[in-house]
Amino acid sequence: MNPQFELLDIDNPCIGVCQSNKKGYCFGCLRSRPERQLWLSMSTEERREVLRLIVGRKQRIEQMRQRKGEQLGFDFEEDVEMGELF
């Protein structure tokens, strides 16, 4: 069986926002420290896996933002008696 050759290299997902959160994930590209450090030495399959993980991380972040918005969602147009709040 012949190995399949990649015609195009997978671009680095870095967007130039290189700051990490407490767990080491970049705010810009959502890669972990090892994923960022090893990117140049990764195979095409490894890079595809990192890109797949990034998509999942973006989805989880969006879900958290939606849940947080739902939790904080007050209807400020509605008149509420102060006694009903406490």
C-alpha atoms as a PDB file:
ATOM      1  CA  MET A   1       0.000   0.000   0.000  1.00  0.00           C
ATOM      2  CA  ASN A   2       1.369   3.429  -0.937  1.00  0.00           C
ATOM      3  CA  PRO A   3       1.526   6.103   1.741  1.00  0.00           C
ATOM      4  CA  GLN A   4      -0.706   9.085   1.123  1.00  0.00           C
ATOM      5  CA  PHE A   5       1.150  12.351   0.735  1.00  0.00           C
ATOM      6  CA  GLU A   6      -0.217  15.658   1.942  1.00  0.00           C
ATOM      7  CA  LEU A   7      -0.153  18.357  -0.697  1.00  0.00           C
ATOM      8  CA  LEU A   8      -0.889  21.193   1.697  1.00  0.00           C
ATOM      9  CA  ASP A   9       0.549  21.662   5.141  1.00  0.00           C
ATOM     10  CA  ILE A  10      -1.871  22.323   8.003  1.00  0.00           C
ATOM     11  CA  ASP A  11      -1.577  25.953   9.051  1.00  0.00           C
ATOM     12  CA  ASN A  12      -0.664  26.863  12.590  1.00  0.00           C
ATOM     13  CA  PRO A  13      -3.881  27.961  14.388  1.00  0.00           C
ATOM     14  CA  CYS A  14      -2.057  30.746  16.263  1.00  0.00           C
ATOM     15  CA  ILE A  15      -3.818  34.115  15.911  1.00  0.00           C
ATOM     16  CA  GLY A  16      -1.209  36.132  17.775  1.00  0.00           C
ATOM     17  CA  VAL A  17      -3.067  36.362  21.109  1.00  0.00           C
ATOM     18  CA  CYS A  18      -0.478  34.463  23.109  1.00  0.00           C
ATOM     19  CA  GLN A  19      -1.733  34.476  26.686  1.00  0.00           C
ATOM     20  CA  SER A  20      -2.626  31.400  28.693  1.00  0.00           C
ATOM     21  CA  ASN A  21      -5.226  30.733  31.334  1.00  0.00           C
ATOM     22  CA  LYS A  22      -4.457  28.991  34.651  1.00  0.00           C
ATOM     23  CA  LYS A  23      -4.656  25.569  33.023  1.00  0.00           C
ATOM     24  CA  GLY A  24      -2.182  26.529  30.270  1.00  0.00           C
ATOM     25  CA  TYR A  25      -4.643  26.870  27.378  1.00  0.00           C
ATOM     26  CA  CYS A  26      -4.027  29.800  25.056  1.00  0.00           C
ATOM     27  CA  PHE A  27      -6.831  32.392  24.936  1.00  0.00           C
ATOM     28  CA  GLY A  28      -6.188  32.930  21.220  1.00  0.00           C
ATOM     29  CA  CYS A  29      -5.878  29.476  19.675  1.00  0.00           C
ATOM     30  CA  LEU A  30      -7.160  27.293  22.564  1.00  0.00           C
ATOM     31  CA  ARG A  31      -4.151  24.960  22.395  1.00  0.00           C
ATOM     32  CA  SER A  32      -2.462  23.556  25.488  1.00  0.00           C
ATOM     33  CA  ARG A  33       1.178  24.361  26.211  1.00  0.00           C
ATOM     34  CA  PRO A  34       2.429  21.023  24.846  1.00  0.00           C
ATOM     35  CA  GLU A  35       0.289  21.416  21.724  1.00  0.00           C
ATOM     36  CA  ARG A  36       1.820  24.837  21.078  1.00  0.00           C
ATOM     37  CA  GLN A  37       5.376  23.753  21.856  1.00  0.00           C
ATOM     38  CA  LEU A  38       5.265  20.574  19.769  1.00  0.00           C
ATOM     39  CA  TRP A  39       3.294  21.905  16.782  1.00  0.00           C
ATOM     40  CA  LEU A  40       6.263  22.093  14.407  1.00  0.00           C
ATOM     41  CA  SER A  41       7.338  18.521  15.144  1.00  0.00           C
ATOM     42  CA  MET A  42       3.815  17.024  14.932  1.00  0.00           C
ATOM     43  CA  SER A  43       2.703  14.789  12.113  1.00  0.00           C
ATOM     44  CA  THR A  44      -0.235  15.772   9.937  1.00  0.00           C
ATOM     45  CA  GLU A  45      -2.490  13.373  11.838  1.00  0.00           C
ATOM     46  CA  GLU A  46      -1.411  14.827  15.189  1.00  0.00           C
ATOM     47  CA  ARG A  47      -2.119  18.336  13.934  1.00  0.00           C
ATOM     48  CA  ARG A  48      -5.568  17.257  12.721  1.00  0.00           C
ATOM     49  CA  GLU A  49      -6.269  15.830  16.168  1.00  0.00           C
ATOM     50  CA  VAL A  50      -5.258  19.122  17.808  1.00  0.00           C
ATOM     51  CA  LEU A  51      -7.576  21.023  15.447  1.00  0.00           C
ATOM     52  CA  ARG A  52     -10.400  18.610  16.330  1.00  0.00           C
ATOM     53  CA  LEU A  53      -9.759  19.227  20.039  1.00  0.00           C
ATOM     54  CA  ILE A  54      -9.827  22.996  19.459  1.00  0.00           C
ATOM     55  CA  VAL A  55     -13.284  22.731  17.869  1.00  0.00           C
ATOM     56  CA  GLY A  56     -14.543  20.846  20.918  1.00  0.00           C
ATOM     57  CA  ARG A  57     -13.036  23.429  23.272  1.00  0.00           C
ATOM     58  CA  LYS A  58     -14.729  26.255  21.361  1.00  0.00           C
ATOM     59  CA  GLN A  59     -18.065  24.460  21.623  1.00  0.00           C
ATOM     60  CA  ARG A  60     -17.684  23.951  25.385  1.00  0.00           C
ATOM     61  CA  ILE A  61     -16.755  27.612  25.869  1.00  0.00           C
ATOM     62  CA  GLU A  62     -19.816  28.719  23.896  1.00  0.00           C
ATOM     63  CA  GLN A  63     -22.057  26.388  25.918  1.00  0.00           C
ATOM     64  CA  MET A  64     -20.647  27.802  29.178  1.00  0.00           C
ATOM     65  CA  ARG A  65     -21.241  31.351  27.963  1.00  0.00           C
ATOM     66  CA  GLN A  66     -24.837  30.518  27.052  1.00  0.00           C
ATOM     67  CA  ARG A  67     -25.479  28.886  30.439  1.00  0.00           C
ATOM     68  CA  LYS A  68     -23.933  31.850  32.237  1.00  0.00           C
ATOM     69  CA  GLY A  69     -26.124  34.211  30.193  1.00  0.00           C
ATOM     70  CA  GLU A  70     -29.199  32.197  31.112  1.00  0.00           C
ATOM     71  CA  GLN A  71     -28.276  32.273  34.795  1.00  0.00           C
ATOM     72  CA  LEU A  72     -27.728  36.027  34.727  1.00  0.00           C
ATOM     73  CA  GLY A  73     -30.701  36.763  32.487  1.00  0.00           C
ATOM     74  CA  PHE A  74     -32.979  39.171  34.324  1.00  0.00           C
ATOM     75  CA  ASP A  75     -35.888  40.907  32.677  1.00  0.00           C
ATOM     76  CA  PHE A  76     -35.203  44.502  33.687  1.00  0.00           C
ATOM     77  CA  GLU A  77     -38.303  45.707  31.882  1.00  0.00           C
ATOM     78  CA  GLU A  78     -40.540  43.819  34.287  1.00  0.00           C
ATOM     79  CA  ASP A  79     -41.604  45.620  37.474  1.00  0.00           C
ATOM     80  CA  VAL A  80     -40.842  43.387  40.449  1.00  0.00           C
ATOM     81  CA  GLU A  81     -41.754  44.161  44.041  1.00  0.00           C
ATOM     82  CA  MET A  82     -38.684  44.210  46.280  1.00  0.00           C
ATOM     83  CA  GLY A  83     -40.381  41.703  48.612  1.00  0.00           C
ATOM     84  CA  GLU A  84     -40.467  39.143  45.780  1.00  0.00           C
ATOM     85  CA  LEU A  85     -36.695  39.247  45.362  1.00  0.00           C
ATOM     86  CA  PHE A  86     -35.836  38.282  48.957  1.00  0.00           C
END
